[in-house]
C-alpha atoms as a PDB file:
ATOM      1  CA  MET A   1    -106.749 -64.287 -73.702  1.00  0.00           C
ATOM      2  CA  ALA A   2    -105.306 -61.854 -71.396  1.00  0.00           C
ATOM      3  CA  GLU A   3    -108.688 -60.969 -69.625  1.00  0.00           C
ATOM      4  CA  LYS A   4    -108.457 -65.077 -68.921  1.00  0.00           C
ATOM      5  CA  THR A   5    -104.907 -65.164 -67.653  1.00  0.00           C
ATOM      6  CA  ASN A   6    -105.269 -62.150 -65.448  1.00  0.00           C
ATOM      7  CA  LYS A   7    -108.401 -64.125 -63.727  1.00  0.00           C
ATOM      8  CA  LEU A   8    -106.081 -67.059 -63.418  1.00  0.00           C
ATOM      9  CA  ALA A   9    -103.227 -65.133 -61.545  1.00  0.00           C
ATOM     10  CA  LYS A  10    -105.782 -63.374 -59.601  1.00  0.00           C
ATOM     11  CA  GLY A  11    -106.915 -67.225 -58.526  1.00  0.00           C
ATOM     12  CA  ARG A  12    -103.495 -68.116 -57.573  1.00  0.00           C
ATOM     13  CA  ILE A  13    -102.842 -65.071 -55.620  1.00  0.00           C
ATOM     14  CA  THR A  14    -106.067 -65.255 -53.427  1.00  0.00           C
ATOM     15  CA  THR A  15    -105.500 -69.245 -52.927  1.00  0.00           C
ATOM     16  CA  SER A  16    -102.965 -69.368 -49.779  1.00  0.00           C
ATOM     17  CA  THR A  17    -100.595 -72.350 -49.667  1.00  0.00           C
ATOM     18  CA  GLN A  18    -101.469 -72.488 -46.158  1.00  0.00           C
ATOM     19  CA  GLN A  19    -104.389 -74.553 -46.954  1.00  0.00           C
ATOM     20  CA  TYR A  20    -102.396 -77.414 -47.802  1.00  0.00           C
ATOM     21  CA  LEU A  21    -100.391 -78.047 -44.634  1.00  0.00           C
ATOM     22  CA  ASP A  22    -101.529 -79.971 -42.036  1.00  0.00           C
ATOM     23  CA  ILE A  23    -100.836 -77.231 -39.237  1.00  0.00           C
ATOM     24  CA  ALA A  24    -103.793 -75.119 -38.236  1.00  0.00           C
ATOM     25  CA  GLU A  25    -102.003 -72.708 -36.029  1.00  0.00           C
ATOM     26  CA  ILE A  26     -98.876 -72.297 -33.641  1.00  0.00           C
ATOM     27  CA  LYS A  27     -99.689 -70.660 -30.234  1.00  0.00           C
ATOM     28  CA  ASP A  28     -98.680 -70.885 -26.720  1.00  0.00           C
ATOM     29  CA  ASP A  29     -95.632 -73.157 -27.624  1.00  0.00           C
ATOM     30  CA  VAL A  30     -97.883 -75.722 -29.036  1.00  0.00           C
ATOM     31  CA  VAL A  31     -98.771 -76.857 -32.589  1.00  0.00           C
ATOM     32  CA  VAL A  32    -102.418 -77.434 -33.413  1.00  0.00           C
ATOM     33  CA  MET A  33    -103.078 -79.699 -36.227  1.00  0.00           C
ATOM     34  CA  ARG A  34    -105.709 -79.568 -38.558  1.00  0.00           C
ATOM     35  CA  ASP A  35    -107.530 -82.695 -37.092  1.00  0.00           C
ATOM     36  CA  GLY A  36    -107.495 -81.346 -33.571  1.00  0.00           C
ATOM     37  CA  THR A  37    -104.248 -82.904 -32.341  1.00  0.00           C
ATOM     38  CA  LEU A  38    -101.632 -81.217 -30.613  1.00  0.00           C
ATOM     39  CA  ARG A  39     -97.729 -81.191 -30.654  1.00  0.00           C
ATOM     40  CA  ALA A  40     -95.068 -80.020 -28.568  1.00  0.00           C
ATOM     41  CA  VAL A  41     -91.375 -80.263 -30.064  1.00  0.00           C
ATOM     42  CA  LEU A  42     -88.153 -80.713 -28.084  1.00  0.00           C
ATOM     43  CA  LEU A  43     -84.843 -80.013 -29.224  1.00  0.00           C
ATOM     44  CA  ALA A  44     -82.241 -82.479 -27.551  1.00  0.00           C
ATOM     45  CA  SER A  45     -78.694 -82.779 -27.516  1.00  0.00           C
ATOM     46  CA  SER A  46     -76.576 -85.706 -28.667  1.00  0.00           C
ATOM     47  CA  ILE A  47     -74.083 -88.136 -27.057  1.00  0.00           C
ATOM     48  CA  ASN A  48     -70.858 -89.339 -28.697  1.00  0.00           C
ATOM     49  CA  PHE A  49     -71.532 -92.911 -27.672  1.00  0.00           C
ATOM     50  CA  ALA A  50     -68.489 -94.075 -29.539  1.00  0.00           C
ATOM     51  CA  LEU A  51     -65.905 -92.118 -27.097  1.00  0.00           C
ATOM     52  CA  LYS A  52     -68.252 -93.515 -23.962  1.00  0.00           C
ATOM     53  CA  SER A  53     -66.517 -96.825 -22.052  1.00  0.00           C
ATOM     54  CA  GLU A  54     -68.187 -99.829 -22.032  1.00  0.00           C
ATOM     55  CA  GLU A  55     -70.031 -99.145 -18.686  1.00  0.00           C
ATOM     56  CA  GLU A  56     -71.102 -95.912 -19.658  1.00  0.00           C
ATOM     57  CA  GLN A  57     -72.584 -97.470 -23.062  1.00  0.00           C
ATOM     58  CA  GLU A  58     -74.685 -99.961 -20.761  1.00  0.00           C
ATOM     59  CA  ALA A  59     -76.010 -97.453 -18.812  1.00  0.00           C
ATOM     60  CA  ILE A  60     -77.171 -95.258 -21.705  1.00  0.00           C
ATOM     61  CA  VAL A  61     -78.670 -98.121 -23.439  1.00  0.00           C
ATOM     62  CA  ALA A  62     -80.431 -99.591 -20.330  1.00  0.00           C
ATOM     63  CA  SER A  63     -81.602 -95.583 -19.460  1.00  0.00           C
ATOM     64  CA  TYR A  64     -82.894 -95.389 -22.885  1.00  0.00           C
ATOM     65  CA  VAL A  65     -84.694 -98.877 -23.077  1.00  0.00           C
ATOM     66  CA  GLY A  66     -86.327 -97.721 -19.413  1.00  0.00           C
ATOM     67  CA  PHE A  67     -87.392 -94.623 -21.294  1.00  0.00           C
ATOM     68  CA  LEU A  68     -89.146 -96.639 -23.997  1.00  0.00           C
ATOM     69  CA  ASN A  69     -90.844 -98.841 -21.757  1.00  0.00           C
ATOM     70  CA  ASN A  70     -91.962 -96.150 -19.523  1.00  0.00           C
ATOM     71  CA  ILE A  71     -94.156 -94.225 -22.079  1.00  0.00           C
ATOM     72  CA  ASN A  72     -97.183 -94.976 -23.431  1.00  0.00           C
ATOM     73  CA  PHE A  73     -97.812 -92.976 -26.060  1.00  0.00           C
ATOM     74  CA  PRO A  74     -95.979 -92.844 -29.475  1.00  0.00           C
ATOM     75  CA  VAL A  75     -93.262 -89.950 -30.164  1.00  0.00           C
ATOM     76  CA  GLN A  76     -91.512 -89.010 -33.202  1.00  0.00           C
ATOM     77  CA  ILE A  77     -87.689 -88.719 -33.267  1.00  0.00           C
ATOM     78  CA  VAL A  78     -86.477 -86.270 -36.318  1.00  0.00           C
ATOM     79  CA  ILE A  79     -82.864 -85.876 -37.254  1.00  0.00           C
ATOM     80  CA  GLN A  80     -82.594 -82.581 -39.306  1.00  0.00           C
ATOM     81  CA  SER A  81     -79.615 -82.499 -41.421  1.00  0.00           C
ATOM     82  CA  ARG A  82     -78.537 -78.772 -43.082  1.00  0.00           C
ATOM     83  CA  LYS A  83     -75.833 -77.578 -44.723  1.00  0.00           C
ATOM     84  CA  LEU A  84     -73.805 -75.382 -42.097  1.00  0.00           C
ATOM     85  CA  ASN A  85     -73.804 -71.497 -42.980  1.00  0.00           C
ATOM     86  CA  ILE A  86     -70.684 -69.883 -41.477  1.00  0.00           C
ATOM     87  CA  GLU A  87     -71.236 -66.601 -43.436  1.00  0.00           C
ATOM     88  CA  ALA A  88     -71.668 -65.084 -39.945  1.00  0.00           C
ATOM     89  CA  TYR A  89     -68.663 -66.621 -38.622  1.00  0.00           C
ATOM     90  CA  MET A  90     -66.652 -65.833 -41.654  1.00  0.00           C
ATOM     91  CA  ALA A  91     -67.552 -62.019 -41.553  1.00  0.00           C
ATOM     92  CA  GLU A  92     -66.649 -61.940 -37.778  1.00  0.00           C
ATOM     93  CA  LEU A  93     -62.846 -63.290 -38.645  1.00  0.00           C
ATOM     94  CA  LYS A  94     -62.920 -60.559 -41.183  1.00  0.00           C
ATOM     95  CA  GLN A  95     -63.624 -57.819 -39.023  1.00  0.00           C
ATOM     96  CA  LYS A  96     -60.977 -59.091 -36.667  1.00  0.00           C
ATOM     97  CA  GLU A  97     -58.791 -59.249 -39.237  1.00  0.00           C
ATOM     98  CA  LYS A  98     -58.993 -55.588 -39.784  1.00  0.00           C
ATOM     99  CA  GLU A  99     -58.977 -54.426 -36.213  1.00  0.00           C
ATOM    100  CA  GLN A 100     -56.118 -56.709 -35.659  1.00  0.00           C
ATOM    101  CA  LEU A 101     -53.100 -54.255 -34.754  1.00  0.00           C
ATOM    102  CA  ASN A 102     -50.316 -57.053 -34.359  1.00  0.00           C
ATOM    103  CA  GLU A 103     -48.893 -57.732 -37.941  1.00  0.00           C
ATOM    104  CA  LEU A 104     -48.383 -61.301 -37.155  1.00  0.00           C
ATOM    105  CA  LEU A 105     -51.600 -62.221 -35.930  1.00  0.00           C
ATOM    106  CA  LYS A 106     -53.177 -60.250 -38.761  1.00  0.00           C
ATOM    107  CA  ILE A 107     -51.183 -62.479 -40.973  1.00  0.00           C
ATOM    108  CA  GLN A 108     -51.975 -65.469 -39.165  1.00  0.00           C
ATOM    109  CA  THR A 109     -56.146 -64.551 -39.394  1.00  0.00           C
ATOM    110  CA  LYS A 110     -56.076 -64.220 -42.893  1.00  0.00           C
ATOM    111  CA  GLU A 111     -54.668 -67.633 -43.489  1.00  0.00           C
ATOM    112  CA  TYR A 112     -57.252 -69.100 -41.362  1.00  0.00           C
ATOM    113  CA  ILE A 113     -59.758 -67.249 -43.044  1.00  0.00           C
ATOM    114  CA  GLN A 114     -58.303 -68.836 -46.326  1.00  0.00           C
ATOM    115  CA  TYR A 115     -58.095 -72.255 -44.767  1.00  0.00           C
ATOM    116  CA  ILE A 116     -61.722 -72.045 -43.635  1.00  0.00           C
ATOM    117  CA  LYS A 117     -62.895 -71.060 -47.256  1.00  0.00           C
ATOM    118  CA  GLU A 118     -60.814 -74.159 -48.694  1.00  0.00           C
ATOM    119  CA  LEU A 119     -62.135 -76.637 -46.273  1.00  0.00           C
ATOM    120  CA  VAL A 120     -65.899 -75.552 -47.080  1.00  0.00           C
ATOM    121  CA  SER A 121     -64.959 -75.723 -50.987  1.00  0.00           C
ATOM    122  CA  ILE A 122     -64.115 -79.673 -50.657  1.00  0.00           C
ATOM    123  CA  GLY A 123     -67.386 -80.485 -49.451  1.00  0.00           C
ATOM    124  CA  ASP A 124     -70.475 -79.522 -47.538  1.00  0.00           C
ATOM    125  CA  ILE A 125     -70.206 -79.504 -43.838  1.00  0.00           C
ATOM    126  CA  MET A 126     -73.421 -80.508 -42.210  1.00  0.00           C
ATOM    127  CA  SER A 127     -74.831 -79.721 -38.826  1.00  0.00           C
ATOM    128  CA  LYS A 128     -77.284 -82.101 -37.239  1.00  0.00           C
ATOM    129  CA  SER A 129     -80.267 -81.336 -35.089  1.00  0.00           C
ATOM    130  CA  PHE A 130     -82.534 -83.731 -33.001  1.00  0.00           C
ATOM    131  CA  TYR A 131     -86.041 -83.071 -32.331  1.00  0.00           C
ATOM    132  CA  VAL A 132     -88.716 -85.177 -30.345  1.00  0.00           C
ATOM    133  CA  VAL A 133     -92.171 -84.608 -31.332  1.00  0.00           C
ATOM    134  CA  ILE A 134     -94.737 -85.312 -28.324  1.00  0.00           C
ATOM    135  CA  PRO A 135     -98.267 -85.739 -29.761  1.00  0.00           C
ATOM    136  CA  TYR A 136    -101.827 -85.298 -27.729  1.00  0.00           C
ATOM    137  CA  ASN A 137    -104.920 -86.487 -29.253  1.00  0.00           C
ATOM    138  CA  PRO A 138    -107.822 -84.955 -27.269  1.00  0.00           C
ATOM    139  CA  LEU A 139    -110.111 -87.762 -29.208  1.00  0.00           C
ATOM    140  CA  SER A 140    -108.579 -90.507 -27.330  1.00  0.00           C
ATOM    141  CA  ASP A 141    -109.998 -89.221 -24.230  1.00  0.00           C
ATOM    142  CA  LYS A 142    -112.019 -91.970 -22.878  1.00  0.00           C
ATOM    143  CA  HIS A 143    -114.408 -90.031 -20.515  1.00  0.00           C
ATOM    144  CA  LYS A 144    -116.001 -88.086 -23.445  1.00  0.00           C
ATOM    145  CA  GLY A 145    -119.207 -88.963 -24.809  1.00  0.00           C
ATOM    146  CA  PHE A 146    -120.210 -90.730 -28.181  1.00  0.00           C
ATOM    147  CA  PHE A 147    -121.731 -87.326 -29.738  1.00  0.00           C
ATOM    148  CA  SER A 148    -119.055 -84.977 -27.975  1.00  0.00           C
ATOM    149  CA  SER A 149    -116.350 -86.903 -29.538  1.00  0.00           C
ATOM    150  CA  VAL A 150    -118.013 -86.989 -33.202  1.00  0.00           C
ATOM    151  CA  SER A 151    -118.989 -82.954 -33.090  1.00  0.00           C
ATOM    152  CA  GLU A 152    -115.030 -82.689 -32.617  1.00  0.00           C
ATOM    153  CA  VAL A 153    -114.214 -84.717 -35.704  1.00  0.00           C
ATOM    154  CA  PHE A 154    -115.882 -82.139 -37.708  1.00  0.00           C
ATOM    155  CA  LYS A 155    -113.909 -79.269 -36.687  1.00  0.00           C
ATOM    156  CA  PRO A 156    -111.450 -79.900 -34.313  1.00  0.00           C
ATOM    157  CA  ALA A 157    -108.868 -77.270 -35.069  1.00  0.00           C
ATOM    158  CA  THR A 158    -111.678 -74.480 -35.199  1.00  0.00           C
ATOM    159  CA  LEU A 159    -112.949 -76.054 -32.172  1.00  0.00           C
ATOM    160  CA  VAL A 160    -109.653 -75.783 -30.343  1.00  0.00           C
ATOM    161  CA  ARG A 161    -109.074 -72.325 -31.558  1.00  0.00           C
ATOM    162  CA  MET A 162    -112.418 -71.020 -30.364  1.00  0.00           C
ATOM    163  CA  LYS A 163    -112.587 -72.758 -26.703  1.00  0.00           C
ATOM    164  CA  GLY A 164    -109.922 -71.461 -24.531  1.00  0.00           C
ATOM    165  CA  LYS A 165    -110.513 -73.214 -21.513  1.00  0.00           C
ATOM    166  CA  ARG A 166    -110.332 -76.231 -23.621  1.00  0.00           C
ATOM    167  CA  PHE A 167    -107.287 -75.651 -25.264  1.00  0.00           C
ATOM    168  CA  ASP A 168    -105.666 -74.809 -21.914  1.00  0.00           C
ATOM    169  CA  LYS A 169    -106.721 -78.043 -20.521  1.00  0.00           C
ATOM    170  CA  TYR A 170    -105.355 -79.902 -23.712  1.00  0.00           C
ATOM    171  CA  LYS A 171    -102.358 -77.921 -23.231  1.00  0.00           C
ATOM    172  CA  ASN A 172    -101.692 -79.247 -19.886  1.00  0.00           C
ATOM    173  CA  ASP A 173    -102.636 -82.776 -20.553  1.00  0.00           C
ATOM    174  CA  LEU A 174     -99.597 -82.423 -23.225  1.00  0.00           C
ATOM    175  CA  ALA A 175     -97.344 -80.594 -21.025  1.00  0.00           C
ATOM    176  CA  ARG A 176     -97.580 -83.738 -18.430  1.00  0.00           C
ATOM    177  CA  ARG A 177     -96.354 -85.508 -21.672  1.00  0.00           C
ATOM    178  CA  VAL A 178     -93.552 -82.900 -22.217  1.00  0.00           C
ATOM    179  CA  GLU A 179     -92.572 -83.422 -18.730  1.00  0.00           C
ATOM    180  CA  SER A 180     -92.305 -87.254 -19.038  1.00  0.00           C
ATOM    181  CA  ILE A 181     -90.086 -87.488 -21.926  1.00  0.00           C
ATOM    182  CA  VAL A 182     -87.608 -84.684 -20.532  1.00  0.00           C
ATOM    183  CA  SER A 183     -87.171 -86.750 -17.701  1.00  0.00           C
ATOM    184  CA  GLY A 184     -87.029 -90.059 -19.328  1.00  0.00           C
ATOM    185  CA  LEU A 185     -84.433 -88.610 -22.101  1.00  0.00           C
ATOM    186  CA  GLY A 186     -82.435 -87.042 -18.826  1.00  0.00           C
ATOM    187  CA  SER A 187     -81.894 -90.401 -17.440  1.00  0.00           C
ATOM    188  CA  ALA A 188     -80.025 -91.218 -20.461  1.00  0.00           C
ATOM    189  CA  GLY A 189     -77.858 -88.277 -20.282  1.00  0.00           C
ATOM    190  CA  LEU A 190     -79.773 -86.140 -23.076  1.00  0.00           C
ATOM    191  CA  LYS A 191     -80.578 -82.426 -22.648  1.00  0.00           C
ATOM    192  CA  THR A 192     -83.690 -81.389 -23.956  1.00  0.00           C
ATOM    193  CA  THR A 193     -85.488 -77.943 -24.346  1.00  0.00           C
ATOM    194  CA  GLN A 194     -89.019 -77.263 -25.637  1.00  0.00           C
ATOM    195  CA  LEU A 195     -89.220 -75.119 -28.528  1.00  0.00           C
ATOM    196  CA  ASP A 196     -91.135 -71.838 -27.956  1.00  0.00           C
ATOM    197  CA  THR A 197     -93.729 -70.389 -30.365  1.00  0.00           C
ATOM    198  CA  GLN A 198     -90.839 -68.420 -32.355  1.00  0.00           C
ATOM    199  CA  GLY A 199     -88.937 -71.516 -32.088  1.00  0.00           C
ATOM    200  CA  LEU A 200     -91.776 -73.813 -33.791  1.00  0.00           C
ATOM    201  CA  ILE A 201     -92.399 -70.798 -36.563  1.00  0.00           C
ATOM    202  CA  GLU A 202     -89.100 -71.062 -37.416  1.00  0.00           C
ATOM    203  CA  LEU A 203     -88.339 -74.800 -37.536  1.00  0.00           C
ATOM    204  CA  TYR A 204     -91.498 -75.132 -40.012  1.00  0.00           C
ATOM    205  CA  TYR A 205     -90.692 -72.167 -42.021  1.00  0.00           C
ATOM    206  CA  ASN A 206     -87.203 -73.773 -42.630  1.00  0.00           C
ATOM    207  CA  THR A 207     -88.546 -77.015 -43.065  1.00  0.00           C
ATOM    208  CA  TYR A 208     -90.851 -75.812 -45.592  1.00  0.00           C
ATOM    209  CA  ASN A 209     -88.734 -73.272 -47.291  1.00  0.00           C
ATOM    210  CA  PRO A 210     -85.262 -74.854 -46.953  1.00  0.00           C
ATOM    211  CA  THR A 211     -84.023 -72.803 -49.997  1.00  0.00           C
ATOM    212  CA  THR A 212     -85.773 -69.525 -49.211  1.00  0.00           C
ATOM    213  CA  SER A 213     -84.902 -69.722 -45.598  1.00  0.00           C
ATOM    214  CA  GLU A 214     -81.063 -69.125 -46.184  1.00  0.00           C
ATOM    215  CA  ASN A 215     -81.472 -65.968 -48.053  1.00  0.00           C
ATOM    216  CA  GLU A 216     -84.405 -64.328 -45.972  1.00  0.00           C
ATOM    217  CA  LYS A 217     -84.807 -64.591 -42.449  1.00  0.00           C
ATOM    218  CA  LEU A 218     -88.041 -64.996 -40.677  1.00  0.00           C
ATOM    219  CA  THR A 219     -89.229 -61.737 -38.682  1.00  0.00           C
ATOM    220  CA  GLU A 220     -89.407 -62.227 -34.892  1.00  0.00           C
ATOM    221  CA  MET A 221     -92.990 -62.929 -34.093  1.00  0.00           C
ATOM    222  CA  LYS A 222     -93.178 -59.775 -31.452  1.00  0.00           C
ATOM    223  CA  LYS A 223     -92.211 -57.590 -34.291  1.00  0.00           C
ATOM    224  CA  LEU A 224     -94.958 -58.885 -36.518  1.00  0.00           C
ATOM    225  CA  ARG A 225     -98.102 -56.393 -36.982  1.00  0.00           C
ATOM    226  CA  VAL A 226    -101.521 -58.536 -37.197  1.00  0.00           C
ATOM    227  CA  THR A 227    -104.368 -57.109 -38.455  1.00  0.00           C
ATOM    228  CA  GLU A 228    -107.836 -58.574 -38.009  1.00  0.00           C
END
């Protein structure tokens, strides 16, 4: 029985959870999916629409409608809500309280820390992040021949990884889509920035591991040692 349990345990250890993900790899600020398609992700700012004047609201809506009418490919808009982590902020306040020489300011800082604690205890304070996911499907290229397209269906992700020049071409095609989205959203008053490789890894790590990511921060990619 013990021998059977050990075999099962060994089997679980050698089975990577990565095989259940749709992501094949993340490199050069691009997400390569298992089906051979690519993704770029933009982090977008928000607009307090209710505080805008009627004329400004109409201008924003018109710009957004124009943005939607000008794109000829699908995009995905993701709103991610997470509990705001204020531990670092609280630690900074406590440090300032210790360093404060003015007794009155020291008391006020302490009272402010207590106020923040009570405010957080009443209810969870949430932060929202807005993402725009831009896809690119190499197989939709109409210039490819039938047999070329069929051959890419079987091992698309492997093909992208192995052929650097082809990947660069796909990445450039995706970049043009990114520029189009950045320009369109910019006309509506939204600022965007494309997530780099480290940002993408952190985004998906936090998404797939919401609980773990709160206690275990992801190591920066440049500090990782990869063995072949």
